Structures are given as structure tokens and as C-alpha cells.
Protein backbone atom coordinates (compact mmCIF):
# COMPACT_ATOMS: atom_id res chain seq x y z
CA MET A 1 -11.31 8.83 -25.58
CA ALA A 2 -11.67 5.37 -24.02
CA LYS A 3 -10.83 3.75 -27.38
CA ALA A 4 -7.38 5.36 -27.29
CA ILE A 5 -6.34 3.33 -24.25
CA PRO A 6 -4.22 0.32 -25.31
CA THR A 7 -6.02 -2.91 -24.45
CA ASP A 8 -4.59 -5.24 -27.07
CA PRO A 9 -1.63 -7.65 -27.23
CA ALA A 10 0.35 -5.28 -29.49
CA TRP A 11 0.65 -2.74 -26.67
CA SER A 12 1.59 -5.51 -24.24
CA LYS A 13 4.39 -6.66 -26.53
CA LYS A 14 5.86 -3.14 -26.56
CA ALA A 15 5.61 -2.89 -22.77
CA LEU A 16 7.20 -6.32 -22.32
CA LYS A 17 10.10 -5.29 -24.55
CA VAL A 18 10.82 -2.34 -22.25
CA ILE A 19 10.59 -4.54 -19.15
CA ASN A 20 12.94 -7.12 -20.64
CA ILE A 21 15.48 -4.39 -21.45
CA GLU A 22 15.33 -3.29 -17.81
CA LEU A 23 15.70 -6.88 -16.60
CA GLY A 24 18.83 -7.22 -18.68
CA SER A 25 20.37 -4.04 -17.31
CA ILE A 26 20.06 -4.60 -13.54
CA GLN A 27 22.52 -7.43 -13.05
CA GLY A 28 25.03 -6.52 -10.35
CA THR A 29 23.26 -3.28 -9.38
CA LEU A 30 22.17 -2.36 -5.87
CA GLY A 31 18.87 -3.95 -4.93
CA GLU A 32 18.97 -6.34 -7.89
CA GLY A 33 16.79 -8.93 -6.16
CA PHE A 34 14.07 -6.44 -5.31
CA LYS A 35 14.20 -4.87 -8.78
CA ARG A 36 13.96 -8.25 -10.48
CA ALA A 37 10.96 -9.29 -8.37
CA ILE A 38 9.10 -6.04 -9.14
CA LEU A 39 9.82 -6.24 -12.86
CA GLN A 40 8.78 -9.89 -13.05
CA ILE A 41 5.45 -9.11 -11.40
CA ALA A 42 4.93 -6.22 -13.82
CA SER A 43 5.86 -8.49 -16.72
CA LEU A 44 3.25 -11.06 -15.72
CA GLU A 45 0.53 -8.42 -15.37
CA VAL A 46 1.35 -6.95 -18.78
CA GLU A 47 1.55 -10.36 -20.45
CA ASN A 48 -1.87 -11.35 -19.06
CA LEU A 49 -3.34 -8.01 -20.22
CA ASP A 50 -4.19 -7.24 -16.58
CA LEU A 51 -2.57 -3.82 -16.67
CA SER A 52 -4.25 -2.72 -19.88
CA ARG A 53 -7.64 -3.87 -18.56
CA THR A 54 -7.07 -1.84 -15.39
CA ILE A 55 -6.23 1.26 -17.45
CA ASP A 56 -9.27 0.76 -19.68
CA THR A 57 -11.76 0.25 -16.84
CA ALA A 58 -10.20 3.07 -14.80
CA LEU A 59 -10.75 5.53 -17.63
CA LYS A 60 -14.37 4.43 -17.97
CA PHE A 61 -14.77 4.81 -14.20
CA PHE A 62 -13.33 8.35 -14.25
CA ASN A 63 -15.64 9.35 -17.08
CA LYS A 64 -18.74 7.73 -15.59
CA HIS A 65 -18.32 9.35 -12.16
CA HIS A 66 -16.93 12.65 -13.47
CA VAL A 67 -13.82 12.28 -11.32
CA ASN A 68 -11.62 15.35 -11.57
CA VAL A 69 -9.69 17.69 -9.26
CA GLN A 70 -12.81 19.61 -8.23
CA GLU A 71 -14.72 16.43 -7.48
CA ILE A 72 -11.88 15.15 -5.28
CA LYS A 73 -11.69 18.49 -3.44
CA SER A 74 -15.42 18.38 -2.78
CA LEU A 75 -14.96 15.09 -0.92
CA GLN A 76 -12.36 16.49 1.50
CA ASN A 77 -14.75 16.41 4.47
CA ASP A 78 -17.42 14.16 3.00
CA LYS A 79 -16.96 10.75 4.62
CA LYS A 80 -19.96 9.15 2.89
CA GLY A 81 -19.00 10.52 -0.51
CA THR A 82 -15.44 9.28 -0.08
CA LEU A 83 -16.64 5.83 0.98
CA ASP A 84 -19.03 5.68 -1.98
CA LEU A 85 -16.20 6.52 -4.39
CA VAL A 86 -14.02 3.74 -2.92
CA ASP A 87 -16.94 1.31 -3.26
CA PHE A 88 -17.47 2.26 -6.90
CA ALA A 89 -13.75 2.00 -7.70
CA ALA A 90 -13.49 -1.38 -5.98
CA HIS A 91 -16.32 -2.80 -8.08
CA GLU A 92 -15.72 -1.05 -11.41
CA ILE A 93 -11.94 -0.88 -11.91
CA TYR A 94 -10.31 -4.18 -12.79
CA LYS A 95 -8.02 -5.49 -10.03
CA VAL A 96 -8.24 -2.33 -7.90
CA ARG A 97 -10.70 -3.28 -5.15
CA TYR A 98 -10.63 -1.71 -1.69
CA ILE A 99 -6.92 -1.77 -0.87
CA LYS A 100 -5.80 0.07 -4.00
CA GLY A 101 -8.93 2.21 -3.95
CA VAL A 102 -8.09 3.64 -0.52
CA LEU A 103 -4.41 4.09 -1.43
CA TRP A 104 -5.43 5.99 -4.55
CA LEU A 105 -7.54 8.40 -2.48
CA TYR A 106 -4.67 8.79 0.01
CA ASN A 107 -2.58 10.05 -2.89
CA CYS A 108 -5.37 12.51 -3.65
CA GLY A 109 -5.16 13.86 -0.10
CA ILE A 110 -8.48 12.48 1.17
CA ALA A 111 -9.91 9.37 2.87
CA LYS A 112 -8.26 10.09 6.24
CA ASP A 113 -10.98 8.08 8.01
CA LEU A 114 -10.50 4.95 5.87
CA VAL A 115 -7.77 2.31 5.92
CA PRO A 116 -6.72 -0.20 3.26
CA PRO A 117 -7.60 -3.72 4.45
CA ASN A 118 -4.19 -5.09 3.50
CA ALA A 119 -2.08 -7.76 5.20
CA HIS A 120 -0.15 -5.15 7.21
CA VAL A 121 -3.27 -3.79 8.86
CA VAL A 122 -4.99 -7.13 9.33
CA ARG A 123 -1.92 -8.77 10.90
CA PHE A 124 -1.41 -5.79 13.21
CA LEU A 125 -5.01 -5.96 14.42
CA ASP A 126 -4.63 -9.71 14.94
CA GLU A 127 -1.49 -9.12 17.04
CA CYS A 128 -3.42 -6.54 19.08
CA GLY A 129 -5.98 -9.21 19.96
CA TYR A 130 -8.95 -7.89 18.04
CA PRO A 131 -11.31 -10.81 17.28
CA GLY A 132 -12.02 -11.69 13.66
CA PHE A 133 -8.63 -10.80 12.21
CA GLU A 134 -6.88 -14.14 12.56
CA TRP A 135 -6.84 -16.59 9.66
CA SER A 136 -5.48 -20.09 9.30
CA LYS A 137 -4.10 -20.29 5.76
CA GLU A 138 -5.06 -17.51 3.36
CA MET A 139 -5.90 -13.89 4.06
CA PRO A 140 -9.62 -13.13 3.59
CA GLU A 141 -10.85 -11.10 0.64
CA ASP A 142 -10.41 -7.37 1.15
CA TRP A 143 -14.17 -6.70 0.92
CA GLN A 144 -14.63 -8.97 3.93
CA MET A 145 -12.09 -7.05 6.00
CA PHE A 146 -12.70 -3.50 4.81
CA THR A 147 -15.37 -2.31 7.25
CA PRO A 148 -13.99 -4.20 10.30
CA ALA A 149 -10.47 -2.93 9.57
CA CYS A 150 -11.67 0.67 9.24
CA ASN A 151 -13.66 0.44 12.48
CA LYS A 152 -10.86 -1.13 14.53
CA MET A 153 -8.16 1.18 13.20
CA CYS A 154 -10.45 4.07 14.20
CA ASP A 155 -10.34 2.60 17.72
CA VAL A 156 -6.54 2.33 17.56
CA ALA A 157 -6.29 5.96 16.39
CA LYS A 158 -8.43 7.12 19.32
CA GLN A 159 -6.28 5.19 21.80
CA VAL A 160 -3.12 6.76 20.40
CA GLU A 161 -4.82 10.14 20.37
CA ASN A 162 -5.59 9.83 24.07
CA GLU A 163 -2.01 8.85 24.82
CA LEU A 164 -0.38 11.60 22.76
CA LYS A 165 -3.01 14.28 23.50
CA ARG A 166 -3.19 15.22 19.82
CA GLU A 167 -5.47 14.41 16.91
CA ILE A 168 -4.62 11.14 15.17
CA THR A 169 -6.52 9.98 12.10
CA PRO A 170 -7.01 6.34 11.08
CA LYS A 171 -4.88 7.16 8.02
CA GLN A 172 -2.00 8.22 10.28
CA ALA A 173 -2.45 5.13 12.46
CA GLN A 174 -2.28 2.81 9.46
CA ALA A 175 0.79 4.66 8.19
CA ALA A 176 2.57 3.82 11.44
CA VAL A 177 1.50 0.19 11.01
CA TRP A 178 2.80 0.22 7.44
CA TYR A 179 6.26 1.43 8.53
CA LEU A 180 6.45 -1.22 11.25
CA GLN A 181 5.25 -4.13 9.13
CA THR A 182 7.28 -3.12 6.07
CA CYS A 183 10.46 -2.93 8.12
CA ARG A 184 9.63 -6.31 9.65
CA GLY A 185 9.19 -7.71 6.16
CA LEU A 186 12.79 -6.81 5.31
CA LEU A 187 14.10 -8.97 8.15
CA PRO A 188 14.69 -12.74 8.23
CA ARG A 189 11.67 -14.58 9.63
CA GLY A 190 13.23 -15.20 13.05
CA TYR A 191 13.87 -11.49 13.60
CA ARG A 192 10.54 -10.00 12.56
CA LYS A 193 8.60 -10.24 15.80
CA GLN A 194 11.57 -8.78 17.68
CA LEU A 195 10.99 -5.44 15.97
CA THR A 196 8.41 -3.74 18.16
CA PRO A 197 7.07 -0.19 17.60
CA LEU A 198 9.28 1.12 20.42
CA LEU A 199 12.37 -0.59 19.03
CA LEU A 200 11.69 0.88 15.60
CA ILE A 201 11.54 4.33 17.20
CA ASP A 202 14.82 3.61 19.02
CA PHE A 203 16.34 2.51 15.71
CA LEU A 204 15.34 5.80 14.07
CA LYS A 205 16.78 7.76 16.98
CA SER A 206 20.06 5.82 16.85
CA TRP A 207 20.50 6.81 13.19
CA LYS A 208 19.04 10.28 13.75
CA TRP A 209 16.46 9.59 11.05
CA SER A 210 13.09 11.23 10.71
CA ILE A 211 10.03 9.35 9.46
CA ARG A 212 10.56 11.09 6.14
CA THR A 213 14.07 9.62 5.93
CA LEU A 214 12.73 6.15 6.65
CA ASN A 215 10.00 6.66 4.07
CA ASP A 216 12.54 7.71 1.44
CA ARG A 217 14.70 4.66 2.12
CA LEU A 218 11.75 2.29 1.98
CA GLY A 219 10.78 3.85 -1.33
CA ASP A 220 14.25 3.44 -2.84
CA VAL A 221 14.75 -0.15 -3.97
CA GLU A 222 18.53 0.35 -3.95
CA GLN A 223 18.46 1.21 -0.24
CA LEU A 224 16.41 -1.77 0.97
CA GLU A 225 19.25 -4.26 1.41
CA SER A 226 21.33 -1.88 3.52
CA LEU A 227 18.27 -0.90 5.55
CA ALA A 228 17.54 -4.57 6.24
CA ALA A 229 21.15 -5.16 7.32
CA ASN A 230 21.07 -2.14 9.63
CA LEU A 231 17.81 -3.25 11.23
CA LYS A 232 19.12 -6.77 11.80
CA THR A 233 22.34 -5.45 13.35
CA PHE A 234 20.36 -3.12 15.62
CA LEU A 235 18.23 -5.98 16.92
């Protein structure tokens, strides 16, 4: 089965042809800049055979660890088993590592006690004054930040839980961070720090949007430019 996965330049050439067709069709469309950036990144990964190597090693990983629906369900309340699976994925699947490993398990409905050690989380923890999350030039490797980020976001979740008097998981806490930092990323540099968590909530209330509405707009590349303009006007 593993041999059927395309890992050769011929497959990459076919994929690049599709990407180039898409690049040629987006001129003048909504969100053109965002679309072009995404497609160019995808093009580079396909051209370098990165994507095909990820597919190939992911299939081998799934077969080796017998990953299927039942296996995922069995890890629902197994924190150690979930952590072990993330560790294996981070070391065995090409270019996945801890950030994508945790996000994958989120999509499977598990890993509520883990957080991806991405720039959003690390920068948020740095802003909150947690030691060890500041960096001078380049963000540390995700394996260096994984355990500290999980531990500190657990602390953040407990603080929010005490304030709201309801259960909050680290996964939910990082989701809130993701919404905040992603919205900040849409703004010009001088406006980003002005968008606080409370102001983002006020923004949602002013538009009568739910979190689901915000999520849908952030996930629609054609909506990003108008969302950025609305955020800037609000501030």
C-alpha cells in the first residue's frame, strides 16, 4: 500500500500544473493576495517533494502504529497515550513535528490537554510574563517549547476556569489565543497590540457575531481583507 503513494517528480509535476492553473485564475478575485501566498507556499513544498515525503512517511506511521478510528477513540481519556502518539508523529512524519501533530489530534477530537507550541501560543505566554517564552531573533524549535507551552497553558486554563466558574481545557484556552493572535495578524503592525481580548469581544458584540461566525470568516480567504478593514475601523 505504501508503494502506491506518489513520491516521485512525476507526481509533483502534475500537482504543480494544477497549482499554476489556480494561480492564473485568481487575478482580480477577492482575497487574491492571500490566495497567491498560500498557493506559492504549496507550490514550493510540492516542487521540493516535501509534500509527497510527508504523505509517504505519514502512511508508514499510520501502518506502524495501527492508527485507525478505534485507536483514536481509545485515546479519548488517555493523556499518556495521546502524548505518546504526538511524540511518535513528531519524530516519524516528515515536517509534521509537534505543532501539526497536536492540530491533527484536535481534528480527531482528542488531545484537549495539549497545545501546539506555535508562535501564537508562545507570543501570548511571553506577553503574559511567563519566563522562558521570550526570544531575541528566531522562535525556538517546537520541541523545545512543547512541554513548557503545555504546562503554562494549563495554568492559563485554570485561571480562566476560576474566573468563569466553568471547566476550561488547555485546548479551549489556546483556541481563544489563536483567535486573538490571528485577528492581530490581519492588522497593520501599529494596530496589533491595540487589539486586546476584551476589545475583540467588544468587536464581536458590535457586529453581533458568534465565535463560529468569526471562525468561518477567518477560514474563508475571500473574507479576510474585509475582516481586517472592519477590525482596523473598530480600533
